[in-house]
Amino acid sequence: MVPESHNLPVDCQLDARGLSCPLTLLKAKQALNSILSGQTLYVVATDAGSQRDFQRFAELSGHQLLASRELDGEFHYWLRKAD
């Protein structure tokens, strides 16, 4: 599921394809709660609104949005859980 060209570590993956706002972000928050500080969550989503949501969520929560990209109509995010 993780794009081969990206070299970021992934500790947990979330397939949020087909989910719409706010479920994409809610599922990501739940996944972040299940991993340790400093670990990375990889999310793939199809909701275009998730681009704005993930950026804002990272700013407000203290989690680090390591990367985001669009590939073939899907949105890919790498979030590092805050300490």
C-alpha atoms as a PDB file:
ATOM      1  CA  MET A   1       0.000   0.000   0.000  1.00  0.00           C
ATOM      2  CA  VAL A   2       2.878   2.428   0.695  1.00  0.00           C
ATOM      3  CA  PRO A   3       4.241   4.036  -2.492  1.00  0.00           C
ATOM      4  CA  GLU A   4       7.581   2.381  -3.255  1.00  0.00           C
ATOM      5  CA  SER A   5       9.294   5.658  -4.089  1.00  0.00           C
ATOM      6  CA  HIS A   6       8.918   7.051  -0.587  1.00  0.00           C
ATOM      7  CA  ASN A   7      11.677   6.222   1.901  1.00  0.00           C
ATOM      8  CA  LEU A   8       9.947   7.320   5.098  1.00  0.00           C
ATOM      9  CA  PRO A   9       9.598   4.681   7.819  1.00  0.00           C
ATOM     10  CA  VAL A  10       6.107   3.340   8.421  1.00  0.00           C
ATOM     11  CA  ASP A  11       5.066   1.802  11.732  1.00  0.00           C
ATOM     12  CA  CYS A  12       1.313   1.674  11.104  1.00  0.00           C
ATOM     13  CA  GLN A  13      -0.838   1.875   7.970  1.00  0.00           C
ATOM     14  CA  LEU A  14      -4.405   3.099   7.551  1.00  0.00           C
ATOM     15  CA  ASP A  15      -6.460   2.522   4.427  1.00  0.00           C
ATOM     16  CA  ALA A  16      -9.085   5.282   4.518  1.00  0.00           C
ATOM     17  CA  ARG A  17     -10.085   5.021   0.860  1.00  0.00           C
ATOM     18  CA  GLY A  18     -13.796   5.532   0.367  1.00  0.00           C
ATOM     19  CA  LEU A  19     -14.258   7.376   3.664  1.00  0.00           C
ATOM     20  CA  SER A  20     -15.402  10.982   3.665  1.00  0.00           C
ATOM     21  CA  CYS A  21     -14.930  13.821   6.117  1.00  0.00           C
ATOM     22  CA  PRO A  22     -14.784  13.546   9.103  1.00  0.00           C
ATOM     23  CA  LEU A  23     -14.250   9.765   9.128  1.00  0.00           C
ATOM     24  CA  THR A  24     -10.845   9.896   7.442  1.00  0.00           C
ATOM     25  CA  LEU A  25      -9.400  12.109  10.157  1.00  0.00           C
ATOM     26  CA  LEU A  26     -11.241  10.271  12.952  1.00  0.00           C
ATOM     27  CA  LYS A  27      -9.736   6.943  11.852  1.00  0.00           C
ATOM     28  CA  ALA A  28      -6.299   8.561  11.648  1.00  0.00           C
ATOM     29  CA  LYS A  29      -6.651   9.899  15.206  1.00  0.00           C
ATOM     30  CA  GLN A  30      -7.609   6.417  16.425  1.00  0.00           C
ATOM     31  CA  ALA A  31      -4.616   4.898  14.640  1.00  0.00           C
ATOM     32  CA  LEU A  32      -2.274   7.492  16.152  1.00  0.00           C
ATOM     33  CA  ASN A  33      -3.598   6.568  19.605  1.00  0.00           C
ATOM     34  CA  SER A  34      -2.520   2.964  18.976  1.00  0.00           C
ATOM     35  CA  ILE A  35       1.145   3.743  18.221  1.00  0.00           C
ATOM     36  CA  LEU A  36       4.053   5.039  20.282  1.00  0.00           C
ATOM     37  CA  SER A  37       5.433   8.575  20.276  1.00  0.00           C
ATOM     38  CA  GLY A  38       7.890   9.057  17.442  1.00  0.00           C
ATOM     39  CA  GLN A  39       6.359   6.323  15.302  1.00  0.00           C
ATOM     40  CA  THR A  40       4.955   7.043  11.848  1.00  0.00           C
ATOM     41  CA  LEU A  41       1.433   6.492  10.579  1.00  0.00           C
ATOM     42  CA  TYR A  42       0.904   6.164   6.840  1.00  0.00           C
ATOM     43  CA  VAL A  43      -2.590   7.010   5.558  1.00  0.00           C
ATOM     44  CA  VAL A  44      -4.050   6.642   2.081  1.00  0.00           C
ATOM     45  CA  ALA A  45      -7.359   8.411   1.434  1.00  0.00           C
ATOM     46  CA  THR A  46      -9.614   9.364  -1.453  1.00  0.00           C
ATOM     47  CA  ASP A  47     -11.320  12.362   0.165  1.00  0.00           C
ATOM     48  CA  ALA A  48      -9.888  15.540  -1.400  1.00  0.00           C
ATOM     49  CA  GLY A  49     -10.845  17.482   1.742  1.00  0.00           C
ATOM     50  CA  SER A  50      -8.356  15.391   3.679  1.00  0.00           C
ATOM     51  CA  GLN A  51      -5.525  17.547   2.294  1.00  0.00           C
ATOM     52  CA  ARG A  52      -6.720  20.551   4.263  1.00  0.00           C
ATOM     53  CA  ASP A  53      -7.795  18.428   7.240  1.00  0.00           C
ATOM     54  CA  PHE A  54      -4.460  16.653   7.725  1.00  0.00           C
ATOM     55  CA  GLN A  55      -2.455  19.865   7.417  1.00  0.00           C
ATOM     56  CA  ARG A  56      -4.618  21.658   9.973  1.00  0.00           C
ATOM     57  CA  PHE A  57      -4.763  18.627  12.276  1.00  0.00           C
ATOM     58  CA  ALA A  58      -0.953  18.441  12.358  1.00  0.00           C
ATOM     59  CA  GLU A  59      -0.695  22.156  13.173  1.00  0.00           C
ATOM     60  CA  LEU A  60      -3.197  21.913  16.034  1.00  0.00           C
ATOM     61  CA  SER A  61      -2.242  18.534  17.503  1.00  0.00           C
ATOM     62  CA  GLY A  62       1.540  18.804  17.503  1.00  0.00           C
ATOM     63  CA  HIS A  63       1.920  15.681  15.367  1.00  0.00           C
ATOM     64  CA  GLN A  64       4.311  16.178  12.463  1.00  0.00           C
ATOM     65  CA  LEU A  65       3.070  15.851   8.892  1.00  0.00           C
ATOM     66  CA  LEU A  66       6.269  14.446   7.399  1.00  0.00           C
ATOM     67  CA  ALA A  67       4.967  14.310   3.836  1.00  0.00           C
ATOM     68  CA  SER A  68       1.821  14.377   1.768  1.00  0.00           C
ATOM     69  CA  ARG A  69       1.293  13.694  -1.869  1.00  0.00           C
ATOM     70  CA  GLU A  70      -1.376  12.953  -4.420  1.00  0.00           C
ATOM     71  CA  LEU A  71      -0.942   9.915  -6.642  1.00  0.00           C
ATOM     72  CA  ASP A  72      -3.534   8.631  -9.105  1.00  0.00           C
ATOM     73  CA  GLY A  73      -6.394  10.432  -7.351  1.00  0.00           C
ATOM     74  CA  GLU A  74      -5.416   9.173  -3.922  1.00  0.00           C
ATOM     75  CA  PHE A  75      -3.943  11.215  -1.097  1.00  0.00           C
ATOM     76  CA  HIS A  76      -1.000   9.840   0.888  1.00  0.00           C
ATOM     77  CA  TYR A  77       0.090  11.129   4.303  1.00  0.00           C
ATOM     78  CA  TRP A  78       2.935  10.311   6.661  1.00  0.00           C
ATOM     79  CA  LEU A  79       2.329  11.528  10.231  1.00  0.00           C
ATOM     80  CA  ARG A  80       4.835  11.212  13.066  1.00  0.00           C
ATOM     81  CA  LYS A  81       3.192  10.945  16.470  1.00  0.00           C
ATOM     82  CA  ALA A  82       4.164  13.707  18.880  1.00  0.00           C
ATOM     83  CA  ASP A  83       6.076  12.987  22.076  1.00  0.00           C
END
